Amino acid sequence: MKLPLSASTYTPEQLVHKQHLMKQLTRFLPIAAVEYCSDRMMQFNLHLHIEVERKDRLGDYSPHLGKGNRISINHNLNPFDFLITFLHELAHHTAFKKFGNHHQPHGPEWKEEFKIHMRPVIGRGIFPPEVEHALIRHMQRPSYTHTGDVVLVKALLRYDRKATELKMLDDLPHGALFKMSAKGRVILKKGDKRRTYIHCTGTDNGKAYLVHAVARVFPIE
């Protein structure tokens, strides 16, 4: 099944609601994807909540039978990251509608739904080329979070609002010093890479830390 880019018929009241929704979504999404996402929200009766930054997640989905369904997404994502996260959470909703609780949260049913919702926005000039190439590769075997895909995260990082301040740990040279936050007190030294994590050492306390390769850190010159 391939979803259309826009719904074919709306009542006058629905059209007013759609225009209002599109106006709000232009603050967060690529312009070319605003109508598509607005139509999906209306089609599936979704309520979108914009949240403060959460370190452990980019977004989440909560089903509420008979009362609409809630998607939340962090406010500070760049438009392309926001779109990927929105479709990720939308896939949770449609997988729930089809399979209820009888499927794994990021199992094959969810993966197929994610692919269905992603197809209409691929190849339409919505994503920058380097992001789209990485995204196509990622969608061959989508994982529970795209933040573990180093190639995709690197491509998305170029469009982050904080791109001038933050660097990806994987991009720093061996032995580089960095902090995990701008106000962090612990200074870490980058060591050897272990699969998707990098062994780092605290310069003051000598403690060992395993930091994800795609973690966004503050380098110390």
Protein backbone atom coordinates (compact mmCIF):
# COMPACT_ATOMS: atom_id res chain seq x y z
CA MET A 1 0.00 0.00 0.00
CA LYS A 2 1.30 3.44 -0.92
CA LEU A 3 -0.27 6.38 0.82
CA PRO A 4 -1.24 9.35 -1.36
CA LEU A 5 0.57 12.63 -0.84
CA SER A 6 -2.69 14.36 0.04
CA ALA A 7 -6.23 13.37 0.90
CA SER A 8 -8.69 13.72 -1.96
CA THR A 9 -11.72 15.13 -0.14
CA TYR A 10 -12.23 17.29 2.93
CA THR A 11 -15.24 19.07 4.34
CA PRO A 12 -14.95 22.88 4.58
CA GLU A 13 -14.34 22.54 8.32
CA GLN A 14 -11.64 19.97 7.73
CA LEU A 15 -9.95 22.21 5.19
CA VAL A 16 -9.80 25.02 7.74
CA HIS A 17 -8.32 22.64 10.28
CA LYS A 18 -5.81 21.36 7.74
CA GLN A 19 -4.64 24.86 6.88
CA HIS A 20 -4.16 25.64 10.57
CA LEU A 21 -2.28 22.39 11.05
CA MET A 22 -0.01 23.05 8.09
CA LYS A 23 0.78 26.52 9.39
CA GLN A 24 1.90 25.06 12.70
CA LEU A 25 3.94 22.27 11.12
CA THR A 26 5.95 24.62 8.92
CA ARG A 27 7.91 25.51 12.07
CA PHE A 28 9.26 21.97 12.36
CA LEU A 29 9.13 20.10 9.03
CA PRO A 30 10.62 20.58 5.56
CA ILE A 31 8.10 22.66 3.64
CA ALA A 32 7.64 19.98 0.98
CA ALA A 33 6.56 17.43 3.62
CA VAL A 34 4.11 19.62 5.56
CA GLU A 35 0.99 18.68 3.60
CA TYR A 36 1.83 14.98 3.62
CA CYS A 37 2.26 14.93 7.40
CA SER A 38 -0.85 17.07 7.95
CA ASP A 39 -2.92 14.62 5.92
CA ARG A 40 -1.54 11.67 7.85
CA MET A 41 -2.37 13.34 11.17
CA MET A 42 -5.93 13.95 10.06
CA GLN A 43 -6.32 10.54 8.47
CA PHE A 44 -5.27 8.76 11.66
CA ASN A 45 -6.64 11.29 14.19
CA LEU A 46 -3.22 11.94 15.68
CA HIS A 47 -2.38 14.55 18.30
CA LEU A 48 1.15 15.91 18.02
CA HIS A 49 2.86 17.22 21.13
CA ILE A 50 6.09 19.18 20.87
CA GLU A 51 8.29 18.38 23.86
CA VAL A 52 11.40 19.84 25.44
CA GLU A 53 14.58 17.97 24.60
CA ARG A 54 14.68 14.48 26.10
CA LYS A 55 18.09 12.82 26.26
CA ASP A 56 16.74 9.28 26.04
CA ARG A 57 14.41 9.66 23.03
CA LEU A 58 13.58 11.83 20.04
CA GLY A 59 9.88 11.01 20.12
CA ASP A 60 7.30 8.51 21.31
CA TYR A 61 3.81 7.20 20.62
CA SER A 62 0.93 6.47 22.98
CA PRO A 63 -2.31 4.82 21.82
CA HIS A 64 -5.57 6.06 23.37
CA LEU A 65 -8.47 4.05 22.04
CA GLY A 66 -11.46 6.24 21.26
CA LYS A 67 -9.63 9.43 22.28
CA GLY A 68 -7.19 9.93 19.43
CA ASN A 69 -3.56 8.93 19.55
CA ARG A 70 -0.60 10.87 20.83
CA ILE A 71 2.77 11.40 19.19
CA SER A 72 5.41 13.52 20.88
CA ILE A 73 8.59 14.81 19.27
CA ASN A 74 11.45 16.87 20.70
CA HIS A 75 11.25 20.53 19.73
CA ASN A 76 14.94 20.96 18.89
CA LEU A 77 15.25 18.49 16.00
CA ASN A 78 16.20 19.84 12.60
CA PRO A 79 13.41 19.55 9.98
CA PHE A 80 14.77 16.38 8.37
CA ASP A 81 15.31 14.64 11.72
CA PHE A 82 11.82 15.75 12.77
CA LEU A 83 10.29 14.21 9.64
CA ILE A 84 12.08 10.88 10.12
CA THR A 85 11.01 10.79 13.76
CA PHE A 86 7.41 11.66 12.90
CA LEU A 87 7.19 8.80 10.39
CA HIS A 88 8.87 6.46 12.88
CA GLU A 89 6.15 7.22 15.43
CA LEU A 90 3.39 7.13 12.81
CA ALA A 91 4.54 3.60 11.99
CA HIS A 92 4.00 2.65 15.63
CA HIS A 93 0.42 3.87 15.36
CA THR A 94 -0.47 2.04 12.15
CA ALA A 95 1.24 -1.13 13.39
CA PHE A 96 -0.85 -0.88 16.55
CA LYS A 97 -4.03 -0.39 14.52
CA LYS A 98 -3.29 -3.49 12.45
CA PHE A 99 -1.80 -5.81 15.05
CA GLY A 100 -2.71 -4.40 18.47
CA ASN A 101 -0.34 -5.59 21.16
CA HIS A 102 0.46 -8.74 19.18
CA HIS A 103 3.70 -7.47 17.67
CA GLN A 104 7.13 -6.38 18.84
CA PRO A 105 7.54 -2.58 19.17
CA HIS A 106 10.30 -2.49 16.51
CA GLY A 107 9.70 -5.89 14.95
CA PRO A 108 8.97 -6.78 11.31
CA GLU A 109 5.42 -5.37 11.41
CA TRP A 110 6.65 -1.96 12.55
CA LYS A 111 9.53 -2.01 10.04
CA GLU A 112 7.13 -2.62 7.16
CA GLU A 113 4.85 0.20 8.32
CA PHE A 114 7.84 2.54 8.61
CA LYS A 115 8.82 1.72 5.02
CA ILE A 116 5.26 2.34 3.82
CA HIS A 117 5.16 5.81 5.36
CA MET A 118 8.68 6.69 4.25
CA ARG A 119 8.28 5.78 0.55
CA PRO A 120 6.15 8.81 -0.44
CA VAL A 121 8.82 11.25 0.81
CA ILE A 122 11.80 9.56 -0.86
CA GLY A 123 12.91 10.77 -4.27
CA ARG A 124 10.91 14.00 -4.11
CA GLY A 125 13.67 16.45 -3.21
CA ILE A 126 12.51 16.71 0.40
CA PHE A 127 15.81 15.56 1.91
CA PRO A 128 19.26 16.87 0.96
CA PRO A 129 21.07 14.31 -1.24
CA GLU A 130 23.52 13.14 1.43
CA VAL A 131 20.69 12.64 3.94
CA GLU A 132 18.51 10.83 1.42
CA HIS A 133 21.31 8.47 0.35
CA ALA A 134 22.01 7.56 3.97
CA LEU A 135 18.29 7.24 4.70
CA ILE A 136 17.67 4.88 1.78
CA ARG A 137 20.47 2.66 3.06
CA HIS A 138 19.08 2.82 6.61
CA MET A 139 15.56 1.90 5.47
CA GLN A 140 16.76 -1.38 4.04
CA ARG A 141 16.97 -2.60 7.63
CA PRO A 142 15.51 0.11 9.90
CA SER A 143 16.43 -0.20 13.55
CA TYR A 144 14.65 0.87 16.72
CA THR A 145 16.35 4.28 16.42
CA HIS A 146 18.12 5.93 13.53
CA THR A 147 20.48 7.62 15.99
CA GLY A 148 22.57 4.44 15.98
CA ASP A 149 23.26 4.79 12.26
CA VAL A 150 26.55 6.71 12.14
CA VAL A 151 26.31 7.58 8.44
CA LEU A 152 22.75 8.89 8.71
CA VAL A 153 23.40 10.82 11.91
CA LYS A 154 26.48 12.45 10.39
CA ALA A 155 24.43 13.58 7.41
CA LEU A 156 21.65 14.94 9.63
CA LEU A 157 24.08 16.69 11.98
CA ARG A 158 25.03 19.14 9.23
CA TYR A 159 21.54 20.62 9.46
CA ASP A 160 21.26 20.85 13.23
CA ARG A 161 20.71 24.23 14.80
CA LYS A 162 23.65 23.51 17.11
CA ALA A 163 25.92 22.24 14.37
CA THR A 164 28.43 25.03 14.98
CA GLU A 165 28.85 24.09 18.65
CA LEU A 166 28.57 20.32 18.62
CA LYS A 167 30.67 17.67 16.97
CA MET A 168 30.12 13.96 16.65
CA LEU A 169 32.56 12.00 18.78
CA ASP A 170 33.31 9.71 15.86
CA ASP A 171 34.64 12.72 13.91
CA LEU A 172 37.14 13.80 16.57
CA PRO A 173 40.73 12.58 16.26
CA HIS A 174 42.10 9.92 18.59
CA GLY A 175 43.20 11.53 21.83
CA ALA A 176 40.95 14.58 21.45
CA LEU A 177 39.56 16.18 24.61
CA PHE A 178 35.87 16.91 24.95
CA LYS A 179 32.93 17.40 27.33
CA MET A 180 29.50 15.82 27.10
CA SER A 181 27.75 19.16 27.67
CA ALA A 182 28.69 22.84 27.47
CA LYS A 183 28.64 23.16 31.27
CA GLY A 184 30.01 19.70 32.00
CA ARG A 185 32.87 19.47 34.48
CA VAL A 186 34.30 16.12 33.40
CA ILE A 187 36.82 16.35 30.57
CA LEU A 188 37.15 13.14 28.57
CA LYS A 189 39.88 11.91 26.27
CA LYS A 190 38.90 9.92 23.19
CA GLY A 191 40.39 6.44 22.95
CA ASP A 192 39.83 3.32 20.86
CA LYS A 193 36.58 2.46 19.13
CA ARG A 194 34.69 -0.69 20.12
CA ARG A 195 32.02 -1.36 17.50
CA THR A 196 29.53 1.47 18.00
CA TYR A 197 31.08 2.77 21.23
CA ILE A 198 34.34 4.56 21.95
CA HIS A 199 36.47 3.96 25.03
CA CYS A 200 37.17 7.30 26.70
CA THR A 201 39.05 8.27 29.86
CA GLY A 202 38.36 11.03 32.36
CA THR A 203 41.39 13.30 32.50
CA ASP A 204 40.86 14.18 36.18
CA ASN A 205 39.66 10.91 37.67
CA GLY A 206 41.14 8.32 35.30
CA LYS A 207 37.78 6.55 35.05
CA ALA A 208 36.84 4.67 31.91
CA TYR A 209 33.73 5.64 29.97
CA LEU A 210 32.03 4.04 26.97
CA VAL A 211 30.51 6.77 24.81
CA HIS A 212 28.45 6.09 21.69
CA ALA A 213 30.30 6.99 18.50
CA VAL A 214 27.46 9.25 17.32
CA ALA A 215 27.22 11.15 20.62
CA ARG A 216 27.28 14.89 20.07
CA VAL A 217 29.97 16.41 22.22
CA PHE A 218 31.72 19.70 22.91
CA PRO A 219 35.37 19.57 21.79
CA ILE A 220 38.02 21.32 23.85
CA GLU A 221 40.60 23.04 21.72
